[in-house]
């Protein structure tokens, strides 16, 4: 005979999210590895994936959080490496801050450049974004080629150092390696993950956590 299923009585999106955070907080009691806004970011990552192992895998550059907050405070451009990540950063969070979220993966010029250069669209999109959009925040959750190119361009001086790189490509071919190169870079403010884990939804939720913090500063709400 199966055990009785006990449901939690919440229906509204905001209430569900708050209850989820309460459950995560209860399952990771203080003292925690992270605190303050760092914990809010990691907690949202756990909320997105239900993966508590992330606590041991997330890495923050010392200036990443404040640099990311400052970029969002000033109405920056955020560029993602997938449409999924772009859609995962909703306008209800970005519009009140005057921020723009773009993805160039389906841009005809990017497609043509990738074909001509025999490379990935993510690689070509990163180059185009750097030259035309000059984003303050790069969100890379899928394409190691984009993250590798970003580090290379910062190193050779063809790209200004971004305010923040959320570098979390997922997979088996150069995903862990590209993140390792990012995390070895002393000048690039990054939030990243050791190993193969990552993904568009995970990378997007980091920006959401930072945006929520700035909205709270301004006394604004992003609830539906």
C-alpha atoms as a PDB file:
ATOM      1  CA  UNK A   1       0.000   0.000   0.000  1.00  0.00           C
ATOM      2  CA  UNK A   2       1.469   3.363  -1.028  1.00  0.00           C
ATOM      3  CA  UNK A   3       2.113   6.111   1.515  1.00  0.00           C
ATOM      4  CA  UNK A   4      -0.278   9.049   1.608  1.00  0.00           C
ATOM      5  CA  UNK A   5       0.898  12.012  -0.454  1.00  0.00           C
ATOM      6  CA  UNK A   6       0.828  15.291   1.469  1.00  0.00           C
ATOM      7  CA  UNK A   7       0.678  18.369  -0.743  1.00  0.00           C
ATOM      8  CA  UNK A   8       1.823  21.849   0.193  1.00  0.00           C
ATOM      9  CA  UNK A   9      -1.127  24.243  -0.063  1.00  0.00           C
ATOM     10  CA  UNK A  10       0.236  27.019  -2.262  1.00  0.00           C
ATOM     11  CA  UNK A  11      -0.972  28.099  -5.707  1.00  0.00           C
ATOM     12  CA  UNK A  12       0.309  31.587  -6.524  1.00  0.00           C
ATOM     13  CA  UNK A  13       3.694  31.783  -8.359  1.00  0.00           C
ATOM     14  CA  UNK A  14       5.201  34.143  -5.793  1.00  0.00           C
ATOM     15  CA  UNK A  15       4.057  31.981  -2.890  1.00  0.00           C
ATOM     16  CA  UNK A  16       5.448  28.849  -4.534  1.00  0.00           C
ATOM     17  CA  UNK A  17       8.822  30.514  -5.039  1.00  0.00           C
ATOM     18  CA  UNK A  18       8.954  31.794  -1.455  1.00  0.00           C
ATOM     19  CA  UNK A  19       8.029  28.368  -0.088  1.00  0.00           C
ATOM     20  CA  UNK A  20      10.703  26.773  -2.249  1.00  0.00           C
ATOM     21  CA  UNK A  21      13.316  29.137  -0.828  1.00  0.00           C
ATOM     22  CA  UNK A  22      12.143  28.352   2.695  1.00  0.00           C
ATOM     23  CA  UNK A  23      12.575  24.629   2.042  1.00  0.00           C
ATOM     24  CA  UNK A  24      16.073  25.153   0.618  1.00  0.00           C
ATOM     25  CA  UNK A  25      17.032  27.318   3.606  1.00  0.00           C
ATOM     26  CA  UNK A  26      15.784  24.618   5.978  1.00  0.00           C
ATOM     27  CA  UNK A  27      17.756  21.907   4.206  1.00  0.00           C
ATOM     28  CA  UNK A  28      20.947  23.985   4.213  1.00  0.00           C
ATOM     29  CA  UNK A  29      21.022  25.372   7.758  1.00  0.00           C
ATOM     30  CA  UNK A  30      23.419  28.053   8.930  1.00  0.00           C
ATOM     31  CA  UNK A  31      26.335  28.437   9.049  1.00  0.00           C
ATOM     32  CA  UNK A  32      26.430  28.095   5.272  1.00  0.00           C
ATOM     33  CA  UNK A  33      29.322  28.182   2.830  1.00  0.00           C
ATOM     34  CA  UNK A  34      27.798  31.350   1.344  1.00  0.00           C
ATOM     35  CA  UNK A  35      25.920  34.223   2.917  1.00  0.00           C
ATOM     36  CA  UNK A  36      24.170  37.420   1.934  1.00  0.00           C
ATOM     37  CA  UNK A  37      23.631  37.950  -1.765  1.00  0.00           C
ATOM     38  CA  UNK A  38      26.049  35.138  -2.592  1.00  0.00           C
ATOM     39  CA  UNK A  39      23.671  32.743  -0.834  1.00  0.00           C
ATOM     40  CA  UNK A  40      20.662  34.283  -2.585  1.00  0.00           C
ATOM     41  CA  UNK A  41      22.333  33.533  -5.926  1.00  0.00           C
ATOM     42  CA  UNK A  42      23.309  29.980  -4.995  1.00  0.00           C
ATOM     43  CA  UNK A  43      19.867  29.368  -3.497  1.00  0.00           C
ATOM     44  CA  UNK A  44      18.190  30.444  -6.741  1.00  0.00           C
ATOM     45  CA  UNK A  45      20.518  28.107  -8.634  1.00  0.00           C
ATOM     46  CA  UNK A  46      19.427  25.256  -6.371  1.00  0.00           C
ATOM     47  CA  UNK A  47      15.794  26.316  -6.833  1.00  0.00           C
ATOM     48  CA  UNK A  48      16.251  26.148 -10.620  1.00  0.00           C
ATOM     49  CA  UNK A  49      17.853  22.692 -10.636  1.00  0.00           C
ATOM     50  CA  UNK A  50      16.967  20.994  -7.320  1.00  0.00           C
ATOM     51  CA  UNK A  51      20.695  20.203  -7.189  1.00  0.00           C
ATOM     52  CA  UNK A  52      22.259  20.813  -3.775  1.00  0.00           C
ATOM     53  CA  UNK A  53      25.665  19.713  -5.076  1.00  0.00           C
ATOM     54  CA  UNK A  54      25.964  23.161  -6.619  1.00  0.00           C
ATOM     55  CA  UNK A  55      26.871  24.512  -3.186  1.00  0.00           C
ATOM     56  CA  UNK A  56      30.273  22.847  -3.590  1.00  0.00           C
ATOM     57  CA  UNK A  57      30.692  23.718  -7.272  1.00  0.00           C
ATOM     58  CA  UNK A  58      29.787  27.414  -7.570  1.00  0.00           C
ATOM     59  CA  UNK A  59      32.692  29.833  -7.756  1.00  0.00           C
ATOM     60  CA  UNK A  60      32.606  33.645  -7.464  1.00  0.00           C
ATOM     61  CA  UNK A  61      35.275  36.076  -8.594  1.00  0.00           C
ATOM     62  CA  UNK A  62      35.823  38.475  -5.662  1.00  0.00           C
ATOM     63  CA  UNK A  63      34.302  41.436  -7.505  1.00  0.00           C
ATOM     64  CA  UNK A  64      31.665  39.557  -9.520  1.00  0.00           C
ATOM     65  CA  UNK A  65      28.569  40.290  -7.457  1.00  0.00           C
ATOM     66  CA  UNK A  66      29.152  44.003  -6.930  1.00  0.00           C
ATOM     67  CA  UNK A  67      30.272  44.485 -10.533  1.00  0.00           C
ATOM     68  CA  UNK A  68      27.162  42.699 -11.796  1.00  0.00           C
ATOM     69  CA  UNK A  69      24.911  44.741  -9.526  1.00  0.00           C
ATOM     70  CA  UNK A  70      26.482  47.992 -10.719  1.00  0.00           C
ATOM     71  CA  UNK A  71      25.948  46.996 -14.351  1.00  0.00           C
ATOM     72  CA  UNK A  72      22.260  46.268 -13.755  1.00  0.00           C
ATOM     73  CA  UNK A  73      21.854  49.480 -11.771  1.00  0.00           C
ATOM     74  CA  UNK A  74      22.994  51.482 -14.802  1.00  0.00           C
ATOM     75  CA  UNK A  75      20.698  49.844 -17.354  1.00  0.00           C
ATOM     76  CA  UNK A  76      23.176  47.557 -19.071  1.00  0.00           C
ATOM     77  CA  UNK A  77      22.920  45.217 -22.038  1.00  0.00           C
ATOM     78  CA  UNK A  78      22.934  41.500 -21.240  1.00  0.00           C
ATOM     79  CA  UNK A  79      23.865  39.097 -24.044  1.00  0.00           C
ATOM     80  CA  UNK A  80      23.056  35.390 -23.865  1.00  0.00           C
ATOM     81  CA  UNK A  81      24.395  32.495 -25.896  1.00  0.00           C
ATOM     82  CA  UNK A  82      20.967  30.888 -26.346  1.00  0.00           C
ATOM     83  CA  UNK A  83      17.389  31.993 -26.881  1.00  0.00           C
ATOM     84  CA  UNK A  84      16.475  29.798 -23.915  1.00  0.00           C
ATOM     85  CA  UNK A  85      18.683  31.873 -21.621  1.00  0.00           C
ATOM     86  CA  UNK A  86      17.287  35.093 -23.090  1.00  0.00           C
ATOM     87  CA  UNK A  87      13.737  33.935 -22.420  1.00  0.00           C
ATOM     88  CA  UNK A  88      14.799  32.853 -18.923  1.00  0.00           C
ATOM     89  CA  UNK A  89      15.560  36.471 -17.973  1.00  0.00           C
ATOM     90  CA  UNK A  90      12.066  37.992 -18.091  1.00  0.00           C
ATOM     91  CA  UNK A  91      11.248  41.538 -19.122  1.00  0.00           C
ATOM     92  CA  UNK A  92       9.370  42.056 -15.868  1.00  0.00           C
ATOM     93  CA  UNK A  93      12.772  42.053 -14.174  1.00  0.00           C
ATOM     94  CA  UNK A  94      14.759  43.863 -16.856  1.00  0.00           C
ATOM     95  CA  UNK A  95      12.412  46.625 -18.020  1.00  0.00           C
ATOM     96  CA  UNK A  96      12.139  48.381 -14.636  1.00  0.00           C
ATOM     97  CA  UNK A  97      15.946  48.548 -14.556  1.00  0.00           C
ATOM     98  CA  UNK A  98      16.275  49.860 -18.104  1.00  0.00           C
ATOM     99  CA  UNK A  99      18.254  46.758 -19.078  1.00  0.00           C
ATOM    100  CA  UNK A 100      18.149  44.956 -22.414  1.00  0.00           C
ATOM    101  CA  UNK A 101      18.632  41.232 -23.008  1.00  0.00           C
ATOM    102  CA  UNK A 102      19.797  40.127 -26.441  1.00  0.00           C
ATOM    103  CA  UNK A 103      20.714  36.894 -28.188  1.00  0.00           C
ATOM    104  CA  UNK A 104      22.300  37.002 -31.648  1.00  0.00           C
ATOM    105  CA  UNK A 105      22.301  33.294 -32.391  1.00  0.00           C
ATOM    106  CA  UNK A 106      19.656  33.618 -35.124  1.00  0.00           C
ATOM    107  CA  UNK A 107      20.998  36.816 -36.633  1.00  0.00           C
ATOM    108  CA  UNK A 108      21.599  36.254 -40.388  1.00  0.00           C
ATOM    109  CA  UNK A 109      25.037  37.877 -40.171  1.00  0.00           C
ATOM    110  CA  UNK A 110      26.008  35.533 -37.367  1.00  0.00           C
ATOM    111  CA  UNK A 111      24.824  32.514 -39.322  1.00  0.00           C
ATOM    112  CA  UNK A 112      26.776  33.641 -42.379  1.00  0.00           C
ATOM    113  CA  UNK A 113      29.915  34.384 -40.354  1.00  0.00           C
ATOM    114  CA  UNK A 114      29.796  31.006 -38.652  1.00  0.00           C
ATOM    115  CA  UNK A 115      29.444  29.238 -41.996  1.00  0.00           C
ATOM    116  CA  UNK A 116      32.236  31.260 -43.586  1.00  0.00           C
ATOM    117  CA  UNK A 117      34.558  30.721 -40.657  1.00  0.00           C
ATOM    118  CA  UNK A 118      33.627  27.055 -40.188  1.00  0.00           C
ATOM    119  CA  UNK A 119      32.893  27.700 -36.534  1.00  0.00           C
ATOM    120  CA  UNK A 120      29.885  27.700 -34.225  1.00  0.00           C
ATOM    121  CA  UNK A 121      27.184  30.343 -34.248  1.00  0.00           C
ATOM    122  CA  UNK A 122      27.895  30.933 -30.561  1.00  0.00           C
ATOM    123  CA  UNK A 123      31.497  31.823 -31.428  1.00  0.00           C
ATOM    124  CA  UNK A 124      30.399  34.187 -34.205  1.00  0.00           C
ATOM    125  CA  UNK A 125      27.640  35.681 -32.045  1.00  0.00           C
ATOM    126  CA  UNK A 126      30.111  36.431 -29.275  1.00  0.00           C
ATOM    127  CA  UNK A 127      32.326  38.329 -31.690  1.00  0.00           C
ATOM    128  CA  UNK A 128      29.417  40.305 -33.139  1.00  0.00           C
ATOM    129  CA  UNK A 129      28.002  41.122 -29.716  1.00  0.00           C
ATOM    130  CA  UNK A 130      31.371  42.374 -28.558  1.00  0.00           C
ATOM    131  CA  UNK A 131      31.725  44.749 -31.499  1.00  0.00           C
ATOM    132  CA  UNK A 132      28.145  45.982 -31.935  1.00  0.00           C
ATOM    133  CA  UNK A 133      26.347  45.671 -28.594  1.00  0.00           C
ATOM    134  CA  UNK A 134      29.278  46.011 -26.188  1.00  0.00           C
ATOM    135  CA  UNK A 135      27.425  44.095 -23.469  1.00  0.00           C
ATOM    136  CA  UNK A 136      28.287  44.573 -19.811  1.00  0.00           C
ATOM    137  CA  UNK A 137      27.049  41.103 -18.869  1.00  0.00           C
ATOM    138  CA  UNK A 138      27.641  37.912 -20.831  1.00  0.00           C
ATOM    139  CA  UNK A 139      25.472  34.893 -20.004  1.00  0.00           C
ATOM    140  CA  UNK A 140      26.957  31.669 -21.393  1.00  0.00           C
ATOM    141  CA  UNK A 141      25.123  28.528 -20.382  1.00  0.00           C
ATOM    142  CA  UNK A 142      25.506  26.318 -23.413  1.00  0.00           C
ATOM    143  CA  UNK A 143      28.489  27.037 -25.656  1.00  0.00           C
ATOM    144  CA  UNK A 144      32.072  26.424 -24.531  1.00  0.00           C
ATOM    145  CA  UNK A 145      33.245  27.907 -27.838  1.00  0.00           C
ATOM    146  CA  UNK A 146      31.711  31.249 -26.877  1.00  0.00           C
ATOM    147  CA  UNK A 147      33.328  31.235 -23.452  1.00  0.00           C
ATOM    148  CA  UNK A 148      36.711  30.257 -24.861  1.00  0.00           C
ATOM    149  CA  UNK A 149      36.478  33.038 -27.456  1.00  0.00           C
ATOM    150  CA  UNK A 150      35.517  35.567 -24.795  1.00  0.00           C
ATOM    151  CA  UNK A 151      38.577  34.748 -22.691  1.00  0.00           C
ATOM    152  CA  UNK A 152      40.772  34.851 -25.794  1.00  0.00           C
ATOM    153  CA  UNK A 153      39.446  38.256 -26.855  1.00  0.00           C
ATOM    154  CA  UNK A 154      39.940  39.731 -23.392  1.00  0.00           C
ATOM    155  CA  UNK A 155      43.492  38.391 -23.386  1.00  0.00           C
ATOM    156  CA  UNK A 156      44.388  39.880 -26.770  1.00  0.00           C
ATOM    157  CA  UNK A 157      42.712  43.200 -26.002  1.00  0.00           C
ATOM    158  CA  UNK A 158      40.045  42.974 -28.702  1.00  0.00           C
ATOM    159  CA  UNK A 159      37.303  42.992 -26.057  1.00  0.00           C
ATOM    160  CA  UNK A 160      36.911  45.194 -23.009  1.00  0.00           C
ATOM    161  CA  UNK A 161      36.687  43.290 -19.745  1.00  0.00           C
ATOM    162  CA  UNK A 162      32.947  42.715 -19.127  1.00  0.00           C
ATOM    163  CA  UNK A 163      31.323  43.778 -15.893  1.00  0.00           C
ATOM    164  CA  UNK A 164      30.277  40.162 -15.367  1.00  0.00           C
ATOM    165  CA  UNK A 165      30.525  36.822 -17.126  1.00  0.00           C
ATOM    166  CA  UNK A 166      28.071  34.160 -16.008  1.00  0.00           C
ATOM    167  CA  UNK A 167      30.041  31.260 -17.465  1.00  0.00           C
ATOM    168  CA  UNK A 168      28.188  27.965 -17.094  1.00  0.00           C
ATOM    169  CA  UNK A 169      28.351  25.961 -20.338  1.00  0.00           C
ATOM    170  CA  UNK A 170      27.099  22.420 -19.843  1.00  0.00           C
ATOM    171  CA  UNK A 171      28.370  19.228 -21.410  1.00  0.00           C
ATOM    172  CA  UNK A 172      31.310  17.005 -22.157  1.00  0.00           C
ATOM    173  CA  UNK A 173      33.422  18.741 -24.834  1.00  0.00           C
ATOM    174  CA  UNK A 174      35.384  21.679 -23.386  1.00  0.00           C
ATOM    175  CA  UNK A 175      32.609  22.669 -20.965  1.00  0.00           C
ATOM    176  CA  UNK A 176      34.634  22.057 -17.802  1.00  0.00           C
ATOM    177  CA  UNK A 177      37.826  23.221 -19.487  1.00  0.00           C
ATOM    178  CA  UNK A 178      36.381  26.541 -20.693  1.00  0.00           C
ATOM    179  CA  UNK A 179      35.079  27.286 -17.213  1.00  0.00           C
ATOM    180  CA  UNK A 180      38.444  26.430 -15.707  1.00  0.00           C
ATOM    181  CA  UNK A 181      40.142  28.948 -18.027  1.00  0.00           C
ATOM    182  CA  UNK A 182      37.594  31.588 -17.062  1.00  0.00           C
ATOM    183  CA  UNK A 183      38.122  30.968 -13.357  1.00  0.00           C
ATOM    184  CA  UNK A 184      41.892  31.233 -13.765  1.00  0.00           C
ATOM    185  CA  UNK A 185      41.495  34.766 -15.150  1.00  0.00           C
ATOM    186  CA  UNK A 186      42.146  37.335 -12.453  1.00  0.00           C
ATOM    187  CA  UNK A 187      40.657  40.297 -14.351  1.00  0.00           C
ATOM    188  CA  UNK A 188      37.281  38.935 -15.496  1.00  0.00           C
ATOM    189  CA  UNK A 189      34.503  39.111 -12.882  1.00  0.00           C
ATOM    190  CA  UNK A 190      32.809  35.721 -13.169  1.00  0.00           C
ATOM    191  CA  UNK A 191      30.225  33.498 -11.568  1.00  0.00           C
ATOM    192  CA  UNK A 192      30.845  29.942 -12.687  1.00  0.00           C
ATOM    193  CA  UNK A 193      30.647  26.248 -11.820  1.00  0.00           C
ATOM    194  CA  UNK A 194      33.379  23.658 -11.646  1.00  0.00           C
ATOM    195  CA  UNK A 195      32.955  20.609 -13.842  1.00  0.00           C
ATOM    196  CA  UNK A 196      30.426  19.589 -16.481  1.00  0.00           C
ATOM    197  CA  UNK A 197      27.227  20.956 -14.961  1.00  0.00           C
ATOM    198  CA  UNK A 198      25.574  24.133 -16.169  1.00  0.00           C
ATOM    199  CA  UNK A 199      22.970  25.110 -18.718  1.00  0.00           C
ATOM    200  CA  UNK A 200      20.939  28.021 -20.025  1.00  0.00           C
ATOM    201  CA  UNK A 201      18.364  28.006 -17.244  1.00  0.00           C
ATOM    202  CA  UNK A 202      21.059  27.916 -14.582  1.00  0.00           C
ATOM    203  CA  UNK A 203      23.018  30.785 -16.125  1.00  0.00           C
ATOM    204  CA  UNK A 204      19.872  32.869 -16.570  1.00  0.00           C
ATOM    205  CA  UNK A 205      18.783  32.445 -12.971  1.00  0.00           C
ATOM    206  CA  UNK A 206      22.005  34.074 -11.753  1.00  0.00           C
ATOM    207  CA  UNK A 207      21.051  37.285 -13.559  1.00  0.00           C
ATOM    208  CA  UNK A 208      17.551  36.985 -12.127  1.00  0.00           C
ATOM    209  CA  UNK A 209      18.944  36.800  -8.589  1.00  0.00           C
ATOM    210  CA  UNK A 210      21.076  39.901  -9.164  1.00  0.00           C
ATOM    211  CA  UNK A 211      18.158  41.735 -10.779  1.00  0.00           C
ATOM    212  CA  UNK A 212      15.892  40.921  -7.834  1.00  0.00           C
ATOM    213  CA  UNK A 213      18.465  42.460  -5.506  1.00  0.00           C
ATOM    214  CA  UNK A 214      18.588  45.686  -7.527  1.00  0.00           C
ATOM    215  CA  UNK A 215      14.793  45.820  -7.793  1.00  0.00           C
ATOM    216  CA  UNK A 216      14.588  45.474  -4.003  1.00  0.00           C
ATOM    217  CA  UNK A 217      17.045  48.370  -3.601  1.00  0.00           C
ATOM    218  CA  UNK A 218      14.769  50.510  -5.750  1.00  0.00           C
ATOM    219  CA  UNK A 219      11.628  49.414  -3.926  1.00  0.00           C
ATOM    220  CA  UNK A 220      10.294  47.682  -7.037  1.00  0.00           C
ATOM    221  CA  UNK A 221       8.665  44.277  -7.461  1.00  0.00           C
ATOM    222  CA  UNK A 222       8.915  41.756 -10.299  1.00  0.00           C
ATOM    223  CA  UNK A 223       6.051  39.539  -9.152  1.00  0.00           C
ATOM    224  CA  UNK A 224       3.466  38.516 -11.733  1.00  0.00           C
END
